[in-house]
């Protein structure tokens, strides 16, 4: 778990120039003004106030979660045009090309193990151990004949229909 040392212990996003947008060098400082993540280390810092973890865009174009020491924790699933969003309190993460889930504190609650996984909705998510990604115009479709649903603890609850 990545709990804050105290309620007051957090990092603040800083950026170069008058406006913050993709491409403007950004980083993080602690409340004493000490640089923790130098400006420009990442392509973009998505999280404004880093309490337990933050999401950044790495130079190679992948998203990562970092802790308050600036250490990378895991890759964040890329969805549409940015990092995966919270859905039912969880978001998708990636490790060794497998998908799992983390919570709002950045703690991994379901370890990466699925080849494809949908966001949680109404307490369940559709996942599979074997799928292929198929291009569909400007999007990619995930196809499998063995989808099933899991609960927020990662327990299999039913097969997909």
N, C-alpha and C. Protein backbone atom coordinates (compact mmCIF):
# COMPACT_ATOMS: atom_id res chain seq x y z
N UNK A 1 0.85 -1.17 0.00
CA UNK A 1 0.00 0.00 0.00
C UNK A 1 0.89 1.23 0.00
N UNK A 2 0.40 2.32 -0.55
CA UNK A 2 1.17 3.54 -0.67
C UNK A 2 0.49 4.66 0.12
N UNK A 3 0.31 4.47 1.38
CA UNK A 3 -0.37 5.48 2.19
C UNK A 3 0.58 6.64 2.47
N UNK A 4 0.01 7.83 2.59
CA UNK A 4 0.81 9.00 2.91
C UNK A 4 1.39 8.86 4.31
N UNK A 5 2.58 9.42 4.50
CA UNK A 5 3.20 9.43 5.82
C UNK A 5 2.34 10.27 6.76
N UNK A 6 1.78 11.33 6.25
CA UNK A 6 0.85 12.17 7.00
C UNK A 6 -0.03 12.89 5.98
N UNK A 7 -1.11 13.49 6.47
CA UNK A 7 -2.02 14.23 5.58
C UNK A 7 -1.30 15.38 4.88
N UNK A 8 -0.25 15.90 5.51
CA UNK A 8 0.47 17.04 4.97
C UNK A 8 1.60 16.64 4.03
N UNK A 9 1.85 15.34 3.89
CA UNK A 9 3.00 14.85 3.13
C UNK A 9 2.57 14.58 1.69
N UNK A 10 2.83 15.54 0.80
CA UNK A 10 2.48 15.34 -0.60
C UNK A 10 3.41 16.16 -1.48
N UNK A 11 3.39 15.85 -2.77
CA UNK A 11 4.19 16.58 -3.74
C UNK A 11 3.27 17.46 -4.58
N UNK A 12 3.84 18.53 -5.09
CA UNK A 12 3.08 19.49 -5.89
C UNK A 12 3.70 19.53 -7.28
N UNK A 13 2.84 19.49 -8.29
CA UNK A 13 3.32 19.58 -9.67
C UNK A 13 3.79 21.00 -9.96
N UNK A 14 4.93 21.09 -10.63
CA UNK A 14 5.45 22.38 -11.09
C UNK A 14 5.71 22.25 -12.59
N UNK A 15 5.64 23.36 -13.29
CA UNK A 15 5.89 23.32 -14.73
C UNK A 15 6.58 24.61 -15.15
N UNK A 16 7.20 24.53 -16.31
CA UNK A 16 7.95 25.65 -16.86
C UNK A 16 7.02 26.52 -17.71
N UNK A 17 7.02 27.80 -17.48
CA UNK A 17 6.20 28.68 -18.30
C UNK A 17 4.88 29.04 -17.67
N UNK A 18 4.06 29.84 -18.40
CA UNK A 18 2.81 30.36 -17.84
C UNK A 18 1.64 29.38 -17.87
N UNK A 19 1.70 28.32 -18.70
CA UNK A 19 0.58 27.38 -18.82
C UNK A 19 1.06 25.94 -18.77
N UNK A 20 0.18 25.07 -18.27
CA UNK A 20 0.48 23.64 -18.17
C UNK A 20 -0.30 22.89 -19.25
N UNK A 21 0.42 22.28 -20.17
CA UNK A 21 -0.20 21.44 -21.19
C UNK A 21 0.85 20.45 -21.67
N UNK A 22 0.39 19.43 -22.39
CA UNK A 22 1.29 18.39 -22.90
C UNK A 22 2.45 19.03 -23.65
N UNK A 23 3.65 18.61 -23.30
CA UNK A 23 4.84 19.14 -23.96
C UNK A 23 5.58 20.19 -23.14
N UNK A 24 4.91 20.79 -22.15
CA UNK A 24 5.57 21.75 -21.28
C UNK A 24 6.29 20.96 -20.18
N UNK A 25 7.59 21.18 -20.00
CA UNK A 25 8.31 20.43 -18.95
C UNK A 25 7.65 20.61 -17.59
N UNK A 26 7.41 19.48 -16.91
CA UNK A 26 6.81 19.51 -15.59
C UNK A 26 7.54 18.50 -14.71
N UNK A 27 7.32 18.61 -13.41
CA UNK A 27 7.93 17.72 -12.44
C UNK A 27 7.23 17.90 -11.10
N UNK A 28 7.87 17.46 -10.01
CA UNK A 28 7.26 17.55 -8.68
C UNK A 28 8.27 18.05 -7.66
N UNK A 29 7.76 18.88 -6.74
CA UNK A 29 8.54 19.33 -5.60
C UNK A 29 7.78 18.98 -4.33
N UNK A 30 8.54 18.84 -3.22
CA UNK A 30 7.87 18.63 -1.95
C UNK A 30 7.47 19.98 -1.37
N UNK A 31 6.87 19.98 -0.21
CA UNK A 31 6.35 21.23 0.35
C UNK A 31 7.45 22.18 0.81
N UNK A 32 8.66 21.67 0.94
CA UNK A 32 9.78 22.53 1.27
C UNK A 32 10.40 23.14 0.01
N UNK A 33 9.90 22.75 -1.17
CA UNK A 33 10.40 23.27 -2.43
C UNK A 33 11.55 22.45 -3.02
N UNK A 34 11.89 21.33 -2.38
CA UNK A 34 12.95 20.46 -2.90
C UNK A 34 12.44 19.70 -4.12
N UNK A 35 13.24 19.63 -5.17
CA UNK A 35 12.87 18.89 -6.37
C UNK A 35 12.92 17.40 -6.09
N UNK A 36 11.83 16.72 -6.35
CA UNK A 36 11.77 15.26 -6.19
C UNK A 36 11.78 14.61 -7.58
N UNK A 37 11.00 15.15 -8.50
CA UNK A 37 11.00 14.70 -9.90
C UNK A 37 11.37 15.91 -10.74
N UNK A 38 12.56 15.89 -11.36
CA UNK A 38 13.02 17.06 -12.12
C UNK A 38 12.13 17.40 -13.31
N UNK A 39 12.06 18.69 -13.62
CA UNK A 39 11.33 19.15 -14.80
C UNK A 39 11.84 18.40 -16.03
N UNK A 40 10.92 17.87 -16.83
CA UNK A 40 11.28 17.22 -18.08
C UNK A 40 11.70 15.76 -17.98
N UNK A 41 11.74 15.20 -16.77
CA UNK A 41 12.08 13.77 -16.67
C UNK A 41 11.05 12.93 -17.43
N UNK A 42 9.80 13.37 -17.35
CA UNK A 42 8.71 12.70 -18.05
C UNK A 42 8.14 13.65 -19.10
N UNK A 43 7.48 13.07 -20.12
CA UNK A 43 6.84 13.91 -21.14
C UNK A 43 5.74 14.77 -20.53
N UNK A 44 5.01 14.19 -19.55
CA UNK A 44 3.92 14.93 -18.93
C UNK A 44 3.61 14.33 -17.57
N UNK A 45 3.23 15.18 -16.63
CA UNK A 45 2.79 14.74 -15.31
C UNK A 45 1.29 15.00 -15.22
N UNK A 46 0.50 13.93 -15.17
CA UNK A 46 -0.96 14.07 -15.15
C UNK A 46 -1.50 14.50 -13.79
N UNK A 47 -0.86 14.08 -12.71
CA UNK A 47 -1.36 14.31 -11.36
C UNK A 47 -0.86 15.65 -10.83
N UNK A 48 -1.78 16.51 -10.38
CA UNK A 48 -1.41 17.83 -9.86
C UNK A 48 -0.83 17.75 -8.44
N UNK A 49 -1.52 17.03 -7.57
CA UNK A 49 -1.08 16.88 -6.18
C UNK A 49 -0.85 15.40 -5.94
N UNK A 50 0.39 15.02 -5.74
CA UNK A 50 0.76 13.62 -5.60
C UNK A 50 0.75 13.26 -4.12
N UNK A 51 -0.32 12.58 -3.68
CA UNK A 51 -0.46 12.21 -2.27
C UNK A 51 0.08 10.81 -2.02
N UNK A 52 -0.44 9.80 -2.68
CA UNK A 52 0.07 8.44 -2.51
C UNK A 52 0.76 7.94 -3.77
N UNK A 53 0.28 8.38 -4.92
CA UNK A 53 0.93 8.05 -6.19
C UNK A 53 0.48 9.07 -7.23
N UNK A 54 1.23 9.13 -8.32
CA UNK A 54 0.87 10.01 -9.42
C UNK A 54 1.04 9.27 -10.73
N UNK A 55 0.42 9.80 -11.77
CA UNK A 55 0.52 9.18 -13.09
C UNK A 55 1.27 10.14 -14.01
N UNK A 56 2.26 9.58 -14.71
CA UNK A 56 3.12 10.37 -15.60
C UNK A 56 3.20 9.67 -16.96
N UNK A 57 3.53 10.46 -17.98
CA UNK A 57 3.76 9.94 -19.32
C UNK A 57 5.27 9.86 -19.52
N UNK A 58 5.77 8.64 -19.71
CA UNK A 58 7.21 8.44 -19.86
C UNK A 58 7.67 8.89 -21.25
N UNK A 59 8.98 9.03 -21.39
CA UNK A 59 9.55 9.47 -22.67
C UNK A 59 9.26 8.48 -23.80
N UNK A 60 9.07 7.19 -23.47
CA UNK A 60 8.78 6.19 -24.51
C UNK A 60 7.30 6.14 -24.89
N UNK A 61 6.47 7.02 -24.28
CA UNK A 61 5.06 7.08 -24.63
C UNK A 61 4.15 6.21 -23.78
N UNK A 62 4.69 5.48 -22.82
CA UNK A 62 3.86 4.68 -21.92
C UNK A 62 3.58 5.49 -20.65
N UNK A 63 2.50 5.14 -19.98
CA UNK A 63 2.15 5.79 -18.72
C UNK A 63 2.67 4.95 -17.57
N UNK A 64 3.05 5.61 -16.49
CA UNK A 64 3.52 4.91 -15.31
C UNK A 64 2.95 5.57 -14.06
N UNK A 65 2.81 4.77 -13.02
CA UNK A 65 2.49 5.29 -11.70
C UNK A 65 3.81 5.46 -10.96
N UNK A 66 3.95 6.60 -10.26
CA UNK A 66 5.15 6.83 -9.46
C UNK A 66 4.74 7.12 -8.01
N UNK A 67 5.65 6.83 -7.08
CA UNK A 67 5.38 7.14 -5.68
C UNK A 67 5.96 8.51 -5.33
N UNK A 68 5.86 8.91 -4.06
CA UNK A 68 6.31 10.24 -3.64
C UNK A 68 7.83 10.39 -3.68
N UNK A 69 8.54 9.28 -3.86
CA UNK A 69 10.00 9.36 -4.01
C UNK A 69 10.39 9.45 -5.48
N UNK A 70 9.39 9.46 -6.37
CA UNK A 70 9.65 9.53 -7.81
C UNK A 70 9.98 8.19 -8.43
N UNK A 71 9.80 7.10 -7.68
CA UNK A 71 10.10 5.76 -8.19
C UNK A 71 8.90 5.21 -8.96
N UNK A 72 9.18 4.57 -10.09
CA UNK A 72 8.11 3.97 -10.89
C UNK A 72 7.61 2.71 -10.22
N UNK A 73 6.28 2.59 -10.13
CA UNK A 73 5.65 1.46 -9.47
C UNK A 73 5.19 0.40 -10.46
N UNK A 74 4.52 0.85 -11.51
CA UNK A 74 4.00 -0.04 -12.54
C UNK A 74 3.52 0.80 -13.71
N UNK A 75 3.26 0.13 -14.81
CA UNK A 75 2.72 0.81 -16.00
C UNK A 75 1.21 0.97 -15.83
N UNK A 76 0.68 2.09 -16.28
CA UNK A 76 -0.76 2.34 -16.26
C UNK A 76 -1.30 2.05 -17.66
N UNK A 77 -2.39 1.33 -17.72
CA UNK A 77 -3.01 0.95 -18.99
C UNK A 77 -3.36 2.21 -19.79
N UNK A 78 -2.98 2.22 -21.05
CA UNK A 78 -3.30 3.34 -21.94
C UNK A 78 -4.66 3.09 -22.55
N UNK A 79 -5.58 4.04 -22.36
CA UNK A 79 -6.93 3.90 -22.90
C UNK A 79 -7.30 5.15 -23.68
N UNK A 80 -7.72 4.96 -24.91
CA UNK A 80 -8.12 6.06 -25.77
C UNK A 80 -6.94 7.01 -25.96
N UNK A 81 -6.94 8.18 -25.34
CA UNK A 81 -5.85 9.14 -25.53
C UNK A 81 -5.13 9.48 -24.23
N UNK A 82 -5.13 8.57 -23.28
CA UNK A 82 -4.46 8.86 -22.01
C UNK A 82 -4.49 7.68 -21.08
N UNK A 83 -4.07 7.92 -19.83
CA UNK A 83 -4.07 6.83 -18.85
C UNK A 83 -5.48 6.38 -18.55
N UNK A 84 -5.61 5.09 -18.19
CA UNK A 84 -6.92 4.55 -17.85
C UNK A 84 -7.55 5.40 -16.75
N UNK A 85 -8.85 5.48 -16.76
CA UNK A 85 -9.60 6.26 -15.80
C UNK A 85 -10.11 5.36 -14.68
N UNK A 86 -10.46 5.98 -13.55
CA UNK A 86 -11.06 5.22 -12.47
C UNK A 86 -12.48 4.85 -12.86
N UNK A 87 -12.83 3.61 -12.62
CA UNK A 87 -14.18 3.13 -12.86
C UNK A 87 -14.51 2.19 -11.71
N UNK A 88 -15.54 2.51 -10.96
CA UNK A 88 -15.89 1.75 -9.76
C UNK A 88 -14.72 1.74 -8.77
N UNK A 89 -13.93 2.81 -8.75
CA UNK A 89 -12.84 2.95 -7.79
C UNK A 89 -11.54 2.26 -8.17
N UNK A 90 -11.48 1.62 -9.34
CA UNK A 90 -10.26 0.93 -9.78
C UNK A 90 -9.86 1.40 -11.17
N UNK A 91 -8.59 1.23 -11.50
CA UNK A 91 -8.11 1.47 -12.85
C UNK A 91 -7.16 0.35 -13.24
N UNK A 92 -6.96 0.19 -14.56
CA UNK A 92 -6.15 -0.92 -15.06
C UNK A 92 -4.67 -0.57 -15.08
N UNK A 93 -3.87 -1.56 -14.75
CA UNK A 93 -2.41 -1.44 -14.77
C UNK A 93 -1.84 -2.57 -15.62
N UNK A 94 -0.56 -2.45 -15.98
CA UNK A 94 0.07 -3.45 -16.84
C UNK A 94 1.44 -3.82 -16.27
N UNK A 95 1.74 -5.10 -16.30
CA UNK A 95 3.07 -5.58 -15.96
C UNK A 95 3.34 -6.84 -16.77
N UNK A 96 4.48 -6.88 -17.43
CA UNK A 96 4.84 -8.03 -18.28
C UNK A 96 3.74 -8.34 -19.29
N UNK A 97 3.14 -7.29 -19.86
CA UNK A 97 2.09 -7.39 -20.87
C UNK A 97 0.80 -8.03 -20.36
N UNK A 98 0.63 -8.09 -19.06
CA UNK A 98 -0.61 -8.59 -18.44
C UNK A 98 -1.29 -7.44 -17.73
N UNK A 99 -2.62 -7.52 -17.62
CA UNK A 99 -3.43 -6.45 -17.05
C UNK A 99 -3.96 -6.84 -15.68
N UNK A 100 -3.91 -5.90 -14.75
CA UNK A 100 -4.48 -6.05 -13.42
C UNK A 100 -5.16 -4.75 -13.03
N UNK A 101 -5.42 -4.56 -11.74
CA UNK A 101 -6.15 -3.39 -11.27
C UNK A 101 -5.53 -2.81 -10.00
N UNK A 102 -5.57 -1.48 -9.89
CA UNK A 102 -5.13 -0.77 -8.69
C UNK A 102 -6.25 0.14 -8.22
N UNK A 103 -6.17 0.53 -6.94
CA UNK A 103 -7.22 1.38 -6.37
C UNK A 103 -6.79 2.85 -6.33
N UNK A 104 -7.61 3.69 -5.72
CA UNK A 104 -7.37 5.14 -5.69
C UNK A 104 -6.11 5.53 -4.90
N UNK A 105 -5.61 4.62 -4.07
CA UNK A 105 -4.37 4.88 -3.33
C UNK A 105 -3.15 4.37 -4.10
N UNK A 106 -3.38 3.75 -5.27
CA UNK A 106 -2.29 3.21 -6.06
C UNK A 106 -1.92 1.79 -5.69
N UNK A 107 -2.60 1.21 -4.72
CA UNK A 107 -2.31 -0.15 -4.30
C UNK A 107 -2.85 -1.14 -5.32
N UNK A 108 -2.06 -2.13 -5.66
CA UNK A 108 -2.51 -3.18 -6.57
C UNK A 108 -3.47 -4.08 -5.82
N UNK A 109 -4.72 -4.17 -6.31
CA UNK A 109 -5.72 -5.01 -5.65
C UNK A 109 -5.96 -6.31 -6.40
N UNK A 110 -5.71 -6.32 -7.70
CA UNK A 110 -5.78 -7.54 -8.51
C UNK A 110 -4.50 -7.56 -9.35
N UNK A 111 -3.57 -8.46 -9.05
CA UNK A 111 -2.30 -8.48 -9.77
C UNK A 111 -2.48 -8.69 -11.27
N UNK A 112 -1.60 -8.11 -12.09
CA UNK A 112 -1.67 -8.29 -13.54
C UNK A 112 -1.54 -9.77 -13.91
N UNK A 113 -2.57 -10.27 -14.61
CA UNK A 113 -2.62 -11.67 -15.00
C UNK A 113 -3.46 -11.91 -16.24
N UNK A 114 -4.21 -10.90 -16.69
CA UNK A 114 -5.13 -11.07 -17.80
C UNK A 114 -4.53 -10.52 -19.09
N UNK A 115 -4.84 -11.18 -20.20
CA UNK A 115 -4.35 -10.67 -21.49
C UNK A 115 -5.21 -9.52 -21.98
N UNK A 116 -6.49 -9.49 -21.61
CA UNK A 116 -7.39 -8.38 -21.90
C UNK A 116 -8.33 -8.22 -20.71
N UNK A 117 -8.71 -6.97 -20.44
CA UNK A 117 -9.58 -6.69 -19.30
C UNK A 117 -10.31 -5.38 -19.54
N UNK A 118 -11.60 -5.38 -19.26
CA UNK A 118 -12.42 -4.17 -19.35
C UNK A 118 -12.41 -3.44 -18.01
N UNK A 119 -12.83 -2.17 -18.00
CA UNK A 119 -12.96 -1.46 -16.72
C UNK A 119 -14.05 -2.09 -15.86
N UNK A 120 -13.98 -1.87 -14.56
CA UNK A 120 -15.03 -2.34 -13.67
C UNK A 120 -16.28 -1.51 -13.86
N UNK A 121 -17.42 -2.17 -13.75
CA UNK A 121 -18.71 -1.51 -13.82
C UNK A 121 -19.68 -2.31 -12.96
N UNK A 122 -20.35 -1.64 -12.03
CA UNK A 122 -21.30 -2.29 -11.13
C UNK A 122 -20.65 -3.46 -10.37
N UNK A 123 -19.40 -3.27 -9.95
CA UNK A 123 -18.73 -4.26 -9.12
C UNK A 123 -18.12 -5.44 -9.83
N UNK A 124 -18.13 -5.42 -11.17
CA UNK A 124 -17.53 -6.54 -11.89
C UNK A 124 -16.82 -6.05 -13.15
N UNK A 125 -15.87 -6.86 -13.63
CA UNK A 125 -15.15 -6.54 -14.86
C UNK A 125 -15.05 -7.80 -15.71
N UNK A 126 -15.12 -7.61 -17.01
CA UNK A 126 -14.97 -8.71 -17.97
C UNK A 126 -13.49 -8.85 -18.30
N UNK A 127 -12.96 -10.07 -18.15
CA UNK A 127 -11.53 -10.33 -18.37
C UNK A 127 -11.36 -11.65 -19.12
N UNK A 128 -10.14 -11.87 -19.60
CA UNK A 128 -9.82 -13.15 -20.24
C UNK A 128 -8.31 -13.38 -20.16
N UNK A 129 -7.93 -14.65 -20.19
CA UNK A 129 -6.52 -15.00 -20.18
C UNK A 129 -5.96 -15.12 -21.60
N UNK A 130 -6.87 -15.19 -22.59
CA UNK A 130 -6.40 -15.31 -23.97
C UNK A 130 -7.24 -14.44 -24.89
N UNK A 131 -6.60 -13.46 -25.46
CA UNK A 131 -7.32 -12.61 -26.40
C UNK A 131 -6.34 -12.08 -27.44
N UNK A 132 -6.90 -11.58 -28.49
CA UNK A 132 -6.11 -10.95 -29.53
C UNK A 132 -6.67 -9.55 -29.76
N UNK A 133 -5.80 -8.62 -30.10
CA UNK A 133 -6.23 -7.27 -30.42
C UNK A 133 -6.38 -7.17 -31.93
N UNK A 134 -7.54 -6.73 -32.35
CA UNK A 134 -7.86 -6.64 -33.77
C UNK A 134 -8.12 -5.17 -34.14
N UNK A 135 -7.36 -4.62 -35.09
CA UNK A 135 -7.61 -3.22 -35.50
C UNK A 135 -9.02 -3.06 -36.08
N UNK A 136 -9.68 -1.95 -35.69
CA UNK A 136 -11.02 -1.64 -36.16
C UNK A 136 -11.06 -0.14 -36.44
N UNK A 137 -10.72 0.22 -37.68
CA UNK A 137 -10.58 1.62 -38.09
C UNK A 137 -9.57 2.31 -37.18
N UNK A 138 -10.00 3.29 -36.39
CA UNK A 138 -9.04 4.01 -35.55
C UNK A 138 -8.93 3.43 -34.14
N UNK A 139 -9.65 2.38 -33.84
CA UNK A 139 -9.62 1.75 -32.53
C UNK A 139 -9.09 0.32 -32.65
N UNK A 140 -8.92 -0.32 -31.51
CA UNK A 140 -8.53 -1.72 -31.47
C UNK A 140 -9.58 -2.48 -30.67
N UNK A 141 -10.03 -3.59 -31.19
CA UNK A 141 -11.03 -4.42 -30.51
C UNK A 141 -10.31 -5.60 -29.86
N UNK A 142 -10.78 -5.99 -28.66
CA UNK A 142 -10.23 -7.15 -27.97
C UNK A 142 -11.18 -8.32 -28.22
N UNK A 143 -10.63 -9.41 -28.77
CA UNK A 143 -11.47 -10.57 -29.08
C UNK A 143 -10.97 -11.81 -28.36
N UNK A 144 -11.94 -12.56 -27.80
CA UNK A 144 -11.65 -13.81 -27.12
C UNK A 144 -12.93 -14.64 -27.07
N UNK A 145 -12.77 -15.94 -27.03
CA UNK A 145 -13.94 -16.82 -26.89
C UNK A 145 -14.09 -17.29 -25.44
N UNK A 146 -13.26 -16.77 -24.54
CA UNK A 146 -13.31 -17.25 -23.15
C UNK A 146 -13.33 -16.11 -22.12
N UNK A 147 -14.16 -15.10 -22.38
CA UNK A 147 -14.33 -14.01 -21.42
C UNK A 147 -15.05 -14.53 -20.17
N UNK A 148 -14.76 -13.93 -19.03
CA UNK A 148 -15.51 -14.19 -17.80
C UNK A 148 -15.46 -12.93 -16.94
N UNK A 149 -16.28 -12.91 -15.89
CA UNK A 149 -16.33 -11.74 -15.01
C UNK A 149 -15.65 -12.04 -13.69
N UNK A 150 -15.03 -10.98 -13.12
CA UNK A 150 -14.44 -11.07 -11.80
C UNK A 150 -15.03 -9.99 -10.91
N UNK A 151 -14.93 -10.21 -9.58
CA UNK A 151 -15.34 -9.17 -8.64
C UNK A 151 -14.12 -8.33 -8.28
N UNK A 152 -14.28 -7.37 -7.39
CA UNK A 152 -13.20 -6.44 -7.07
C UNK A 152 -12.06 -7.06 -6.25
N UNK A 153 -12.21 -8.32 -5.88
CA UNK A 153 -11.12 -9.04 -5.22
C UNK A 153 -10.42 -9.97 -6.20
N UNK A 154 -10.91 -10.00 -7.46
CA UNK A 154 -10.30 -10.85 -8.48
C UNK A 154 -10.89 -12.24 -8.56
N UNK A 155 -11.96 -12.50 -7.82
CA UNK A 155 -12.62 -13.81 -7.84
C UNK A 155 -13.49 -13.94 -9.07
N UNK A 156 -13.42 -15.09 -9.71
CA UNK A 156 -14.28 -15.36 -10.88
C UNK A 156 -15.72 -15.48 -10.38
N UNK A 157 -16.62 -14.73 -11.01
CA UNK A 157 -18.02 -14.76 -10.55
C UNK A 157 -18.98 -15.30 -11.59
N UNK A 158 -18.65 -15.20 -12.88
CA UNK A 158 -19.52 -15.78 -13.90
C UNK A 158 -18.83 -15.71 -15.24
N UNK A 159 -19.27 -16.58 -16.15
CA UNK A 159 -18.76 -16.55 -17.52
C UNK A 159 -19.51 -15.47 -18.28
N UNK A 160 -18.85 -14.91 -19.27
CA UNK A 160 -19.47 -13.92 -20.14
C UNK A 160 -20.40 -14.62 -21.10
N UNK A 161 -21.46 -13.94 -21.48
CA UNK A 161 -22.41 -14.57 -22.40
C UNK A 161 -22.29 -14.02 -23.78
